[in-house]
Amino acid sequence: MEPTRIDYIEFKSTDLSKTKAFYNASFGWHFTDYGPEYCSFSESGVAGGFELTSKAITNGVLVVLYHTDLLNIKAKITEAGGEIVKDVFSFPGGRRFHFKDPSGNELAVWSDI
């Protein structure tokens, strides 16, 4: 079986324009917009994105794992004591779900299949 790997890191942003300007000027990251509430970044060493939010940011990072079989890995996560906090949903490029580990850390798993 293929290992589940960290594939994407997602941050929250209260202002995408300022966020993109900051990371571009500071680190040379490049951005691709996916509508007014989301952008991905590249040239950072790992794939990732920023999601617009109007809420206060307390834990602004979402680690996203990749797996080819979402339903199988979702079952394994729940059997191991994880809690599904956002069920499988579609987005441009694939599908994903969010879960919390037994310590309360929220992560996501996505698949392009």
Protein backbone atom coordinates (compact mmCIF):
# COMPACT_ATOMS: atom_id res chain seq x y z
CA MET A 1 0.00 0.00 0.00
CA GLU A 2 1.20 3.50 -0.83
CA PRO A 3 2.10 5.52 2.29
CA THR A 4 -0.08 8.50 3.15
CA ARG A 5 2.18 11.52 2.83
CA ILE A 6 1.96 15.16 3.81
CA ASP A 7 1.06 16.74 0.51
CA TYR A 8 -0.24 20.25 1.14
CA ILE A 9 -0.31 22.85 3.90
CA GLU A 10 -3.22 25.26 4.12
CA PHE A 11 -3.13 28.55 6.04
CA LYS A 12 -5.91 30.97 6.96
CA SER A 13 -5.75 34.61 5.86
CA THR A 14 -7.80 37.64 6.86
CA ASP A 15 -6.65 39.53 3.72
CA LEU A 16 -5.47 37.55 0.70
CA SER A 17 -3.98 40.58 -1.08
CA LYS A 18 -1.80 41.51 1.90
CA THR A 19 -0.89 37.87 2.53
CA LYS A 20 0.21 37.33 -1.07
CA ALA A 21 2.20 40.59 -1.10
CA PHE A 22 3.94 39.65 2.17
CA TYR A 23 4.97 36.13 1.15
CA ASN A 24 5.99 37.23 -2.33
CA ALA A 25 8.13 40.11 -1.05
CA SER A 26 9.60 38.10 1.83
CA PHE A 27 10.20 34.71 0.22
CA GLY A 28 9.46 35.00 -3.51
CA TRP A 29 6.40 32.72 -3.39
CA HIS A 30 4.10 32.70 -6.45
CA PHE A 31 0.30 32.49 -6.29
CA THR A 32 -2.62 31.12 -8.27
CA ASP A 33 -6.08 32.46 -7.42
CA TYR A 34 -9.07 30.11 -7.23
CA GLY A 35 -11.83 32.65 -6.80
CA PRO A 36 -11.98 35.49 -4.27
CA GLU A 37 -11.55 33.28 -1.17
CA TYR A 38 -8.64 30.98 -2.02
CA CYS A 39 -5.18 30.99 -3.55
CA SER A 40 -2.46 28.37 -3.79
CA PHE A 41 1.23 29.10 -3.46
CA SER A 42 4.35 27.66 -5.07
CA GLU A 43 8.11 28.14 -4.84
CA SER A 44 7.96 27.42 -1.08
CA GLY A 45 9.34 23.88 -0.97
CA VAL A 46 5.90 22.38 -0.28
CA ALA A 47 2.54 22.91 -1.98
CA GLY A 48 0.01 24.96 -0.07
CA GLY A 49 -2.63 27.63 -0.06
CA PHE A 50 -4.37 30.41 1.81
CA GLU A 51 -8.08 30.41 2.62
CA LEU A 52 -9.81 33.70 3.35
CA THR A 53 -11.54 33.92 6.73
CA SER A 54 -13.28 36.66 8.68
CA LYS A 55 -12.83 34.80 11.98
CA ALA A 56 -9.97 35.33 14.40
CA ILE A 57 -7.15 32.96 13.54
CA THR A 58 -6.09 30.78 16.46
CA ASN A 59 -4.67 27.78 14.57
CA GLY A 60 -4.15 28.95 11.03
CA VAL A 61 -2.43 25.89 9.56
CA LEU A 62 -4.12 22.82 8.07
CA VAL A 63 -1.83 19.93 7.13
CA VAL A 64 -3.30 18.03 4.18
CA LEU A 65 -2.37 14.39 3.57
CA TYR A 66 -2.79 12.57 0.25
CA HIS A 67 -4.30 9.09 -0.15
CA THR A 68 -5.65 7.32 -3.22
CA ASP A 69 -8.63 5.74 -1.39
CA LEU A 70 -10.53 8.31 0.69
CA LEU A 71 -13.19 5.95 2.00
CA ASN A 72 -10.64 3.35 3.11
CA ILE A 73 -8.41 5.86 4.90
CA LYS A 74 -11.46 7.57 6.44
CA ALA A 75 -12.54 4.21 7.91
CA LYS A 76 -9.04 3.56 9.26
CA ILE A 77 -8.96 7.00 10.87
CA THR A 78 -12.27 6.50 12.67
CA GLU A 79 -11.33 2.93 13.72
CA ALA A 80 -8.11 4.31 15.21
CA GLY A 81 -9.98 6.90 17.29
CA GLY A 82 -10.05 9.89 14.95
CA GLU A 83 -13.13 12.09 14.59
CA ILE A 84 -14.43 13.21 11.19
CA VAL A 85 -15.19 16.93 11.49
CA LYS A 86 -15.94 17.69 7.81
CA ASP A 87 -17.19 14.83 5.66
CA VAL A 88 -15.95 14.15 2.12
CA PHE A 89 -16.55 17.07 -0.23
CA SER A 90 -15.47 17.98 -3.75
CA PHE A 91 -13.24 20.89 -4.73
CA PRO A 92 -11.47 21.83 -7.97
CA GLY A 93 -8.99 19.01 -8.45
CA GLY A 94 -10.42 16.31 -6.21
CA ARG A 95 -12.20 15.45 -2.97
CA ARG A 96 -11.22 15.63 0.69
CA PHE A 97 -12.38 15.36 4.29
CA HIS A 98 -11.16 16.77 7.62
CA PHE A 99 -10.56 14.89 10.85
CA LYS A 100 -9.24 15.44 14.36
CA ASP A 101 -6.69 13.14 15.89
CA PRO A 102 -7.13 11.97 19.51
CA SER A 103 -5.30 15.10 20.74
CA GLY A 104 -7.62 17.45 18.83
CA ASN A 105 -5.29 18.37 15.94
CA GLU A 106 -7.27 18.94 12.75
CA LEU A 107 -5.87 17.56 9.49
CA ALA A 108 -7.33 16.77 6.08
CA VAL A 109 -6.93 13.96 3.56
CA TRP A 110 -7.46 14.54 -0.16
CA SER A 111 -7.47 12.48 -3.34
CA ASP A 112 -7.56 13.37 -7.01
CA ILE A 113 -9.30 10.06 -7.74
